[in-house]
Amino acid sequence: MLPLIMISAILDSVQEAIEVTDPQGNIIYVNPAFCRITGIPFEVRTKENIYNISPDGALALALRTGKPVSGYRTKVGGSNAEVISNAVPIIVNQETLGAVVIFQHITDIIKLTDELKRSTSIIRDLSTKFGQVTESKYTFNHVIGSSPALKDCIKIATMAAKSCSTVLLLGESGTGKELFAHAIHHASPRREKPFIAINCAAIPDALLESELFGYVRGAFTGAMKDKIGKFELAHSGTLFLDEIGDMNLLLQAKLLRVLQEREFERVGDTRTNPIDVRVIAATNRNLKHLVREGKFREDLYYRLNVVEIVLPPLRERTSDLVELTNYLITKLNRKLGKKVTGLTKESLNALRSYNWPGNIRELENVMERIMVSLEAQELTYKDLVPHLGICLPVQDSNRGEIMALDHLEKQMIERALKICGHTVAGKKQAAFLLNISLATLYNKIKKYHILTSNN
């Protein structure tokens, strides 16, 4: 057994208050924590009886009933200290020798509860942040093709990856701008850090600011808790701003400040947060024209355009079609469970002669649509006809099939919408590919009674 002097030392060192009575309720011991919490000296307290000083307290209740009492909230008799108590009777050989109570001041409990809430909130925020953080999925090995134009882009991108300079990726829709963004991050010293992508055209202007910078609780109606923005998620890594040309002027000004000062503010907050993010931006729009029209800030354009990479459209790198189609056939064979071996010479020539307004994205779409129903091992010219709008030759080689212009126009609009989609953003892209205004596109959709999911 422990010597009494050791037991006394242990009880005196406990930070919770301890009070002990004999069987008659006479208080025989209180520890220093009791005196600190209640302000009652040892000499005073040990001359009192618990039934007189605190008859309704946890200690008196445990002694009276012979049963444990837990989580009992009360005021200590002879003191204004409000406490949470746990008391038990002291029973040896079925004989009650007294009772003991241990309690903490209510303010200490509240502090612990608040600390637990803060810790839980931090853990929840970290969990949310972890769930949103992504890594780069592609490397330069995923860039298929060996044309000189493409090789030049890879060379510039590889050199840019070694620095922290901002990169601006330009090119038509479907040329692989996002793939290059992933590859640049993967080849950079930041490869082990987050890669966060956001499409500026896909998010309404009213929400884009909070998506980029986050917000604090109460910043606006419905902001029930703090939200981490994309810049904060990408800290020490890379942020890919796709379709940067669609960002409004107000947000452009805020983005410029972040790029210049390397700090940002959450929506509704007055504190600035330092940030270390490498920005890669991309657009299929002509930013120089937008600058001249007053739709894009000139200072932001030069801040973004530190390293410019213009990705060539597929029609300018048709020499890569063999590599691209072979890669897609292998990929789609695995996906669709097919055993297609390749293309005929005539079908490859047809692919080379086609203009590919949707670029590689359109090529992959066409290949998959054909291979879904393809039963042969080779993709033929005839398989391509319905998907590229190619007219099969007639018997008389001196004649070609004549198609009414309005019918041809309707086909082109339908194909553009099929490639770009029927959303507002898709229609904008379709109008861009068709080289007409969005208003003109809507008029022609109405004129030709073209069914869309978002007319």
Protein backbone atom coordinates (compact mmCIF):
# COMPACT_ATOMS: atom_id res chain seq x y z
CA MET A 1 0.00 0.00 0.00
CA LEU A 2 1.07 3.56 -0.60
CA PRO A 3 2.26 5.47 2.46
CA LEU A 4 -0.15 8.14 3.69
CA ILE A 5 2.37 10.85 2.89
CA MET A 6 2.35 9.78 -0.80
CA ILE A 7 -1.45 9.66 -0.89
CA SER A 8 -1.58 13.15 0.59
CA ALA A 9 0.95 14.43 -1.95
CA ILE A 10 -1.05 12.93 -4.84
CA LEU A 11 -4.33 14.46 -3.69
CA ASP A 12 -2.68 17.83 -3.13
CA SER A 13 -1.31 17.84 -6.70
CA VAL A 14 -4.64 17.08 -8.41
CA GLN A 15 -5.98 20.15 -10.27
CA GLU A 16 -9.64 19.26 -9.67
CA ALA A 17 -11.16 20.14 -6.30
CA ILE A 18 -11.46 17.24 -3.82
CA GLU A 19 -13.53 17.18 -0.61
CA VAL A 20 -13.85 14.22 1.82
CA THR A 21 -16.22 13.59 4.74
CA ASP A 22 -16.51 10.99 7.49
CA PRO A 23 -19.70 8.89 7.96
CA GLN A 24 -21.37 11.69 9.92
CA GLY A 25 -20.72 14.30 7.23
CA ASN A 26 -17.84 16.04 9.00
CA ILE A 27 -15.43 17.43 6.40
CA ILE A 28 -12.03 15.91 7.10
CA TYR A 29 -10.04 16.91 4.00
CA VAL A 30 -9.99 19.38 1.11
CA ASN A 31 -7.12 19.73 -1.34
CA PRO A 32 -5.43 22.99 -2.45
CA ALA A 33 -7.48 23.05 -5.68
CA PHE A 34 -10.66 23.17 -3.56
CA CYS A 35 -9.36 26.20 -1.70
CA ARG A 36 -8.32 27.88 -4.96
CA ILE A 37 -11.66 27.32 -6.70
CA THR A 38 -13.91 28.20 -3.74
CA GLY A 39 -11.75 30.71 -1.88
CA ILE A 40 -12.41 28.82 1.40
CA PRO A 41 -9.30 28.09 3.54
CA PHE A 42 -8.49 24.50 4.61
CA GLU A 43 -8.75 25.38 8.30
CA VAL A 44 -12.23 26.83 7.90
CA ARG A 45 -13.68 24.09 5.68
CA THR A 46 -12.46 21.16 7.77
CA LYS A 47 -14.34 22.49 10.81
CA GLU A 48 -17.73 22.24 9.03
CA ASN A 49 -20.30 19.52 8.42
CA ILE A 50 -21.48 18.91 4.83
CA TYR A 51 -25.12 18.51 5.94
CA ASN A 52 -25.03 21.99 7.43
CA ILE A 53 -23.03 23.84 4.80
CA SER A 54 -24.32 22.14 1.63
CA PRO A 55 -27.18 19.71 2.39
CA ASP A 56 -28.34 19.54 -1.26
CA GLY A 57 -24.90 19.16 -2.80
CA ALA A 58 -23.50 16.10 -4.56
CA LEU A 59 -21.32 15.08 -1.60
CA ALA A 60 -24.23 15.12 0.90
CA LEU A 61 -26.43 13.28 -1.60
CA ALA A 62 -23.87 10.49 -2.13
CA LEU A 63 -23.29 10.12 1.60
CA ARG A 64 -27.02 10.08 2.36
CA THR A 65 -28.07 7.60 -0.39
CA GLY A 66 -24.94 5.51 -0.60
CA LYS A 67 -25.04 5.87 -4.42
CA PRO A 68 -22.71 7.66 -6.84
CA VAL A 69 -23.70 11.08 -8.18
CA SER A 70 -22.30 12.35 -11.51
CA GLY A 71 -22.51 15.55 -13.53
CA TYR A 72 -24.20 17.41 -10.68
CA ARG A 73 -24.34 21.17 -11.24
CA THR A 74 -24.59 23.29 -8.10
CA LYS A 75 -22.97 26.03 -6.05
CA VAL A 76 -20.45 25.08 -3.37
CA GLY A 77 -21.91 25.74 0.10
CA GLY A 78 -20.29 28.76 1.68
CA SER A 79 -19.06 29.96 -1.75
CA ASN A 80 -20.41 31.48 -4.96
CA ALA A 81 -18.42 29.04 -7.08
CA GLU A 82 -20.67 27.18 -9.53
CA VAL A 83 -19.31 23.71 -10.20
CA ILE A 84 -19.91 20.38 -11.92
CA SER A 85 -19.48 17.58 -9.35
CA ASN A 86 -18.99 13.82 -9.26
CA ALA A 87 -19.37 12.20 -5.82
CA VAL A 88 -19.23 8.61 -4.50
CA PRO A 89 -19.62 7.03 -1.06
CA ILE A 90 -16.49 5.41 0.44
CA ILE A 91 -17.51 1.81 1.24
CA VAL A 92 -15.14 -0.76 2.73
CA ASN A 93 -16.40 -4.24 3.68
CA GLN A 94 -19.97 -3.07 3.21
CA GLU A 95 -19.42 -0.25 5.71
CA THR A 96 -19.75 3.39 4.68
CA LEU A 97 -16.69 5.24 5.92
CA GLY A 98 -17.58 8.57 4.34
CA ALA A 99 -17.81 10.12 0.89
CA VAL A 100 -15.63 12.03 -1.56
CA VAL A 101 -16.49 14.60 -4.22
CA ILE A 102 -14.43 15.87 -7.14
CA PHE A 103 -15.53 18.97 -9.02
CA GLN A 104 -14.44 21.60 -11.52
CA HIS A 105 -15.53 25.20 -11.83
CA ILE A 106 -18.21 25.66 -14.48
CA THR A 107 -16.07 28.23 -16.32
CA ASP A 108 -13.33 25.63 -16.73
CA ILE A 109 -15.86 23.22 -18.23
CA ILE A 110 -17.12 25.92 -20.60
CA LYS A 111 -13.58 26.73 -21.66
CA LEU A 112 -12.90 23.06 -22.39
CA THR A 113 -16.16 22.77 -24.33
CA ASP A 114 -15.34 25.87 -26.39
CA GLU A 115 -11.85 24.55 -27.07
CA LEU A 116 -13.33 21.23 -28.17
CA LYS A 117 -15.73 23.06 -30.51
CA ARG A 118 -12.86 25.07 -31.99
CA SER A 119 -10.79 21.92 -32.44
CA THR A 120 -13.75 20.14 -34.04
CA SER A 121 -14.28 23.11 -36.39
CA ILE A 122 -10.61 23.10 -37.37
CA ILE A 123 -10.71 19.36 -38.02
CA ARG A 124 -13.89 19.77 -40.09
CA ASP A 125 -12.33 22.59 -42.13
CA LEU A 126 -9.17 20.57 -42.68
CA SER A 127 -11.25 17.59 -43.75
CA THR A 128 -13.19 19.79 -46.19
CA LYS A 129 -9.96 21.27 -47.51
CA PHE A 130 -8.41 17.83 -47.92
CA GLY A 131 -11.44 16.64 -49.86
CA GLN A 132 -11.12 19.50 -52.36
CA VAL A 133 -7.37 19.30 -52.91
CA THR A 134 -6.36 17.51 -56.10
CA GLU A 135 -3.13 16.56 -57.79
CA SER A 136 -2.10 16.85 -61.41
CA LYS A 137 -3.37 13.93 -63.48
CA TYR A 138 -1.29 14.35 -66.62
CA THR A 139 2.35 14.71 -67.58
CA PHE A 140 4.03 15.70 -70.85
CA ASN A 141 4.01 11.97 -71.72
CA HIS A 142 0.24 12.31 -72.17
CA VAL A 143 0.73 14.95 -74.90
CA ILE A 144 0.37 12.91 -78.10
CA GLY A 145 2.01 14.11 -81.29
CA SER A 146 5.38 14.98 -82.78
CA SER A 147 4.54 17.88 -85.12
CA PRO A 148 6.99 20.82 -84.96
CA ALA A 149 4.30 23.20 -83.65
CA LEU A 150 3.44 20.86 -80.79
CA LYS A 151 7.10 20.19 -79.97
CA ASP A 152 7.70 23.94 -79.68
CA CYS A 153 4.83 24.21 -77.18
CA ILE A 154 6.19 21.32 -75.10
CA LYS A 155 9.67 22.88 -75.11
CA ILE A 156 8.39 26.25 -73.85
CA ALA A 157 6.11 24.61 -71.28
CA THR A 158 8.93 22.41 -69.96
CA MET A 159 11.17 25.42 -69.43
CA ALA A 160 8.33 27.41 -67.85
CA ALA A 161 7.64 24.55 -65.43
CA LYS A 162 11.03 25.05 -63.76
CA SER A 163 10.09 28.58 -62.70
CA CYS A 164 7.21 30.07 -60.73
CA SER A 165 6.25 32.47 -63.52
CA THR A 166 2.64 32.87 -64.54
CA VAL A 167 1.75 30.97 -67.72
CA LEU A 168 -0.95 31.94 -70.22
CA LEU A 169 -2.26 29.09 -72.39
CA LEU A 170 -4.02 30.22 -75.56
CA GLY A 171 -5.77 28.19 -78.22
CA GLU A 172 -9.11 27.04 -79.52
CA SER A 173 -11.44 24.90 -77.45
CA GLY A 174 -10.33 21.28 -77.34
CA THR A 175 -6.63 21.84 -78.11
CA GLY A 176 -5.43 20.50 -74.74
CA LYS A 177 -4.92 23.59 -72.58
CA GLU A 178 -5.94 21.86 -69.36
CA LEU A 179 -3.69 18.90 -70.16
CA PHE A 180 -0.76 21.30 -70.54
CA ALA A 181 -1.63 22.98 -67.23
CA HIS A 182 -1.53 19.61 -65.46
CA ALA A 183 1.75 18.70 -67.17
CA ILE A 184 3.43 22.02 -66.26
CA HIS A 185 2.51 21.55 -62.61
CA HIS A 186 3.72 17.95 -62.62
CA ALA A 187 7.07 18.99 -64.09
CA SER A 188 7.52 21.84 -61.61
CA PRO A 189 9.10 21.90 -58.12
CA ARG A 190 5.52 22.20 -56.81
CA ARG A 191 4.50 18.75 -58.10
CA GLU A 192 3.92 17.39 -54.57
CA LYS A 193 1.67 20.34 -53.70
CA PRO A 194 -1.99 20.92 -54.63
CA PHE A 195 -3.19 21.48 -58.18
CA ILE A 196 -6.53 23.31 -58.11
CA ALA A 197 -8.54 24.05 -61.25
CA ILE A 198 -11.54 26.34 -61.68
CA ASN A 199 -13.51 27.18 -64.82
CA CYS A 200 -14.25 30.90 -64.67
CA ALA A 201 -16.98 30.63 -67.33
CA ALA A 202 -18.89 27.86 -65.58
CA ILE A 203 -19.53 29.78 -62.34
CA PRO A 204 -21.89 32.80 -62.15
CA ASP A 205 -20.18 36.13 -61.48
CA ALA A 206 -21.95 36.47 -58.13
CA LEU A 207 -20.39 33.22 -56.89
CA LEU A 208 -16.99 33.31 -58.57
CA GLU A 209 -15.43 35.71 -56.05
CA SER A 210 -16.32 33.49 -53.08
CA GLU A 211 -15.13 30.42 -55.00
CA LEU A 212 -11.76 32.05 -55.63
CA PHE A 213 -11.17 33.75 -52.28
CA GLY A 214 -13.56 32.03 -49.84
CA TYR A 215 -15.70 33.83 -47.29
CA VAL A 216 -16.19 34.22 -43.55
CA ARG A 217 -19.28 33.28 -41.62
CA GLY A 218 -21.96 35.96 -41.89
CA ALA A 219 -20.45 37.55 -45.01
CA PHE A 220 -23.84 37.20 -46.72
CA THR A 221 -27.16 35.45 -46.28
CA GLY A 222 -26.57 31.72 -46.08
CA ALA A 223 -22.89 31.98 -45.09
CA MET A 224 -23.27 29.83 -41.97
CA LYS A 225 -19.58 28.97 -41.64
CA ASP A 226 -16.21 29.94 -43.06
CA LYS A 227 -15.40 28.66 -46.54
CA ILE A 228 -11.93 28.08 -47.96
CA GLY A 229 -11.43 29.49 -51.46
CA LYS A 230 -9.46 28.06 -54.37
CA PHE A 231 -6.48 30.36 -53.78
CA GLU A 232 -6.18 29.15 -50.20
CA LEU A 233 -6.57 25.53 -51.27
CA ALA A 234 -3.80 25.97 -53.82
CA HIS A 235 -1.35 27.52 -51.32
CA SER A 236 2.23 26.45 -52.16
CA GLY A 237 0.88 24.74 -55.29
CA THR A 238 -0.72 25.71 -58.62
CA LEU A 239 -4.06 27.34 -59.44
CA PHE A 240 -5.38 26.80 -62.97
CA LEU A 241 -7.81 29.52 -64.07
CA ASP A 242 -9.55 28.15 -67.14
CA GLU A 243 -11.58 30.47 -69.43
CA ILE A 244 -9.99 33.54 -67.82
CA GLY A 245 -11.33 35.69 -70.68
CA ASP A 246 -14.87 35.32 -69.29
CA MET A 247 -14.04 36.89 -65.91
CA ASN A 248 -15.76 40.23 -65.22
CA LEU A 249 -13.76 43.45 -64.78
CA LEU A 250 -14.37 43.74 -61.02
CA LEU A 251 -12.92 40.31 -60.35
CA GLN A 252 -10.09 41.01 -62.78
CA ALA A 253 -9.06 43.94 -60.54
CA LYS A 254 -9.09 41.74 -57.44
CA LEU A 255 -7.15 39.00 -59.22
CA LEU A 256 -4.55 41.55 -60.32
CA ARG A 257 -4.06 42.64 -56.71
CA VAL A 258 -3.54 39.04 -55.58
CA LEU A 259 -0.95 38.47 -58.32
CA GLN A 260 0.88 41.70 -57.46
CA GLU A 261 0.71 41.68 -53.66
CA ARG A 262 0.66 37.92 -53.09
CA GLU A 263 -2.15 38.29 -50.56
CA PHE A 264 -5.95 38.09 -50.58
CA GLU A 265 -9.00 38.74 -48.42
CA ARG A 266 -11.90 36.39 -47.90
CA VAL A 267 -15.30 37.84 -48.76
CA GLY A 268 -16.61 39.66 -45.68
CA ASP A 269 -13.23 39.71 -43.94
CA THR A 270 -10.89 42.64 -43.31
CA ARG A 271 -7.78 40.57 -42.68
CA THR A 272 -5.33 39.88 -45.48
CA ASN A 273 -3.83 36.44 -45.92
CA PRO A 274 -0.43 35.90 -47.55
CA ILE A 275 -0.47 33.38 -50.37
CA ASP A 276 2.12 31.48 -52.39
CA VAL A 277 0.42 30.24 -55.56
CA ARG A 278 1.65 29.68 -59.10
CA VAL A 279 -1.09 30.73 -61.54
CA ILE A 280 -1.68 29.14 -64.93
CA ALA A 281 -4.45 30.81 -66.95
CA ALA A 282 -6.11 29.66 -70.16
CA THR A 283 -8.63 30.99 -72.66
CA ASN A 284 -9.87 30.34 -76.19
CA ARG A 285 -10.65 34.04 -76.63
CA ASN A 286 -8.42 36.72 -78.13
CA LEU A 287 -7.37 38.70 -75.05
CA LYS A 288 -5.74 41.45 -77.13
CA HIS A 289 -9.06 42.13 -78.84
CA LEU A 290 -10.83 42.07 -75.46
CA VAL A 291 -8.31 44.61 -74.11
CA ARG A 292 -9.00 46.92 -77.07
CA GLU A 293 -12.74 46.55 -76.49
CA GLY A 294 -12.35 47.40 -72.80
CA LYS A 295 -13.56 43.95 -71.69
CA PHE A 296 -10.23 42.79 -70.25
CA ARG A 297 -7.77 44.78 -68.15
CA GLU A 298 -4.53 45.54 -69.97
CA ASP A 299 -2.48 45.43 -66.76
CA LEU A 300 -3.89 41.99 -65.89
CA TYR A 301 -3.17 40.76 -69.42
CA TYR A 302 0.51 41.65 -69.07
CA ARG A 303 0.63 40.20 -65.55
CA LEU A 304 -0.74 36.88 -66.87
CA ASN A 305 1.19 36.89 -70.13
CA VAL A 306 4.64 36.27 -68.62
CA VAL A 307 5.03 32.98 -70.49
CA GLU A 308 2.64 32.62 -73.44
CA ILE A 309 1.99 29.24 -75.07
CA VAL A 310 -0.30 29.13 -78.11
CA LEU A 311 -1.52 25.57 -78.69
CA PRO A 312 -2.05 24.78 -82.39
CA PRO A 313 -5.48 23.62 -83.61
CA LEU A 314 -5.73 20.07 -84.90
CA ARG A 315 -6.14 21.21 -88.51
CA GLU A 316 -2.61 22.68 -88.30
CA ARG A 317 -1.06 19.46 -87.00
CA THR A 318 -2.74 16.78 -89.12
CA SER A 319 0.59 14.92 -89.19
CA ASP A 320 -0.22 13.92 -85.60
CA LEU A 321 -3.49 12.23 -86.57
CA VAL A 322 -1.90 8.78 -86.90
CA GLU A 323 -0.47 8.93 -83.38
CA LEU A 324 -3.64 10.46 -81.97
CA THR A 325 -6.03 7.93 -83.53
CA ASN A 326 -3.83 4.99 -82.55
CA TYR A 327 -3.72 6.28 -78.98
CA LEU A 328 -7.50 6.80 -78.92
CA ILE A 329 -8.19 3.36 -80.42
CA THR A 330 -6.06 1.70 -77.73
CA LYS A 331 -7.78 3.75 -75.02
CA LEU A 332 -11.29 3.09 -76.35
CA ASN A 333 -10.60 -0.62 -76.89
CA ARG A 334 -9.99 -0.91 -73.14
CA LYS A 335 -13.01 1.22 -72.29
CA LEU A 336 -15.48 -0.42 -74.70
CA GLY A 337 -14.08 -3.94 -74.80
CA LYS A 338 -13.37 -3.72 -78.53
CA LYS A 339 -10.54 -5.13 -80.68
CA VAL A 340 -10.19 -2.43 -83.32
CA THR A 341 -6.76 -2.51 -84.94
CA GLY A 342 -6.71 0.78 -86.85
CA LEU A 343 -8.06 2.85 -89.76
CA THR A 344 -8.07 2.35 -93.49
CA LYS A 345 -5.99 4.69 -95.68
CA GLU A 346 -9.15 6.33 -97.07
CA SER A 347 -10.55 7.02 -93.60
CA LEU A 348 -7.25 8.52 -92.46
CA ASN A 349 -7.22 10.81 -95.50
CA ALA A 350 -10.78 11.86 -94.64
CA LEU A 351 -9.68 12.74 -91.12
CA ARG A 352 -6.82 14.82 -92.51
CA SER A 353 -9.09 16.72 -94.88
CA TYR A 354 -11.66 17.56 -92.20
CA ASN A 355 -11.39 20.99 -90.51
CA TRP A 356 -11.87 19.77 -86.88
CA PRO A 357 -13.55 22.86 -85.36
CA GLY A 358 -13.73 21.03 -82.01
CA ASN A 359 -10.09 19.88 -82.25
CA ILE A 360 -8.90 16.87 -80.22
CA ARG A 361 -12.03 16.86 -78.08
CA GLU A 362 -14.12 16.46 -81.23
CA LEU A 363 -11.76 13.77 -82.57
CA GLU A 364 -12.13 11.71 -79.40
CA ASN A 365 -15.90 12.19 -79.45
CA VAL A 366 -16.13 11.04 -83.09
CA MET A 367 -13.88 8.03 -82.48
CA GLU A 368 -15.91 6.87 -79.50
CA ARG A 369 -19.25 7.30 -81.26
CA ILE A 370 -18.00 5.20 -84.16
CA MET A 371 -16.37 2.48 -82.05
CA VAL A 372 -19.43 2.01 -79.81
CA SER A 373 -21.28 0.34 -82.68
CA LEU A 374 -18.31 -0.83 -84.78
CA GLU A 375 -18.18 -4.58 -85.33
CA ALA A 376 -15.27 -4.73 -87.75
CA GLN A 377 -11.61 -4.56 -86.75
CA GLU A 378 -10.89 -1.61 -89.01
CA LEU A 379 -12.48 1.83 -89.12
CA THR A 380 -13.44 2.69 -92.69
CA TYR A 381 -14.29 5.81 -94.67
CA LYS A 382 -17.94 4.76 -94.66
CA ASP A 383 -17.93 4.69 -90.85
CA LEU A 384 -16.83 8.33 -90.80
CA VAL A 385 -19.42 9.69 -93.23
CA PRO A 386 -22.32 10.23 -90.79
CA HIS A 387 -20.08 11.83 -88.15
CA LEU A 388 -18.08 14.31 -90.23
CA GLY A 389 -20.81 15.47 -92.62
CA ILE A 390 -18.92 13.95 -95.55
CA CYS A 391 -20.93 13.22 -98.69
CA LEU A 392 -20.46 9.79 -100.20
CA PRO A 393 -19.41 9.96 -103.85
CA VAL A 394 -22.06 9.20 -106.49
CA GLN A 395 -21.53 6.95 -109.51
CA ASP A 396 -20.65 9.82 -111.83
CA SER A 397 -17.26 11.01 -110.66
CA ASN A 398 -17.81 14.38 -112.42
CA ARG A 399 -20.81 15.13 -110.25
CA GLY A 400 -21.11 15.72 -106.56
CA GLU A 401 -24.17 15.74 -104.36
CA ILE A 402 -25.63 19.22 -104.28
CA MET A 403 -27.08 20.31 -100.92
CA ALA A 404 -29.23 23.38 -100.30
CA LEU A 405 -27.34 26.05 -98.38
CA ASP A 406 -29.95 26.36 -95.66
CA HIS A 407 -29.86 22.57 -95.14
CA LEU A 408 -26.06 22.65 -94.94
CA GLU A 409 -26.21 25.57 -92.49
CA LYS A 410 -28.66 23.67 -90.30
CA GLN A 411 -26.35 20.64 -90.29
CA MET A 412 -23.36 22.75 -89.27
CA ILE A 413 -25.31 24.38 -86.41
CA GLU A 414 -26.56 21.01 -85.19
CA ARG A 415 -23.03 19.57 -85.29
CA ALA A 416 -21.58 22.58 -83.45
CA LEU A 417 -24.21 22.25 -80.71
CA LYS A 418 -23.58 18.54 -80.47
CA ILE A 419 -19.86 19.18 -79.94
CA CYS A 420 -20.15 22.18 -77.62
CA GLY A 421 -23.33 21.32 -75.77
CA HIS A 422 -26.70 23.04 -75.38
CA THR A 423 -25.89 25.14 -72.30
CA VAL A 424 -25.45 28.91 -72.59
CA ALA A 425 -21.67 28.44 -72.43
CA GLY A 426 -21.92 25.72 -75.09
CA LYS A 427 -23.92 27.97 -77.39
CA LYS A 428 -21.37 30.75 -76.94
CA GLN A 429 -18.63 28.34 -77.99
CA ALA A 430 -20.71 27.06 -80.91
CA ALA A 431 -21.25 30.64 -82.11
CA PHE A 432 -17.50 31.22 -81.85
CA LEU A 433 -16.72 28.10 -83.93
CA LEU A 434 -19.35 29.05 -86.52
CA ASN A 435 -17.98 32.62 -86.63
CA ILE A 436 -21.36 34.18 -85.92
CA SER A 437 -22.74 36.17 -82.99
CA LEU A 438 -24.67 34.48 -80.20
CA ALA A 439 -27.81 36.42 -81.18
CA THR A 440 -27.48 35.16 -84.77
CA LEU A 441 -27.11 31.61 -83.50
CA TYR A 442 -30.32 31.89 -81.45
CA ASN A 443 -32.18 33.28 -84.49
CA LYS A 444 -31.03 30.39 -86.68
CA ILE A 445 -31.91 27.82 -84.00
CA LYS A 446 -35.41 29.29 -84.05
CA LYS A 447 -35.48 29.52 -87.86
CA TYR A 448 -34.53 25.87 -88.40
CA HIS A 449 -36.56 24.59 -85.42
CA ILE A 450 -33.46 23.00 -83.95
CA LEU A 451 -34.34 21.28 -80.70
CA THR A 452 -32.06 22.17 -77.78
CA SER A 453 -32.34 21.39 -74.09
CA ASN A 454 -31.95 25.06 -73.17
CA ASN A 455 -33.78 27.11 -75.82
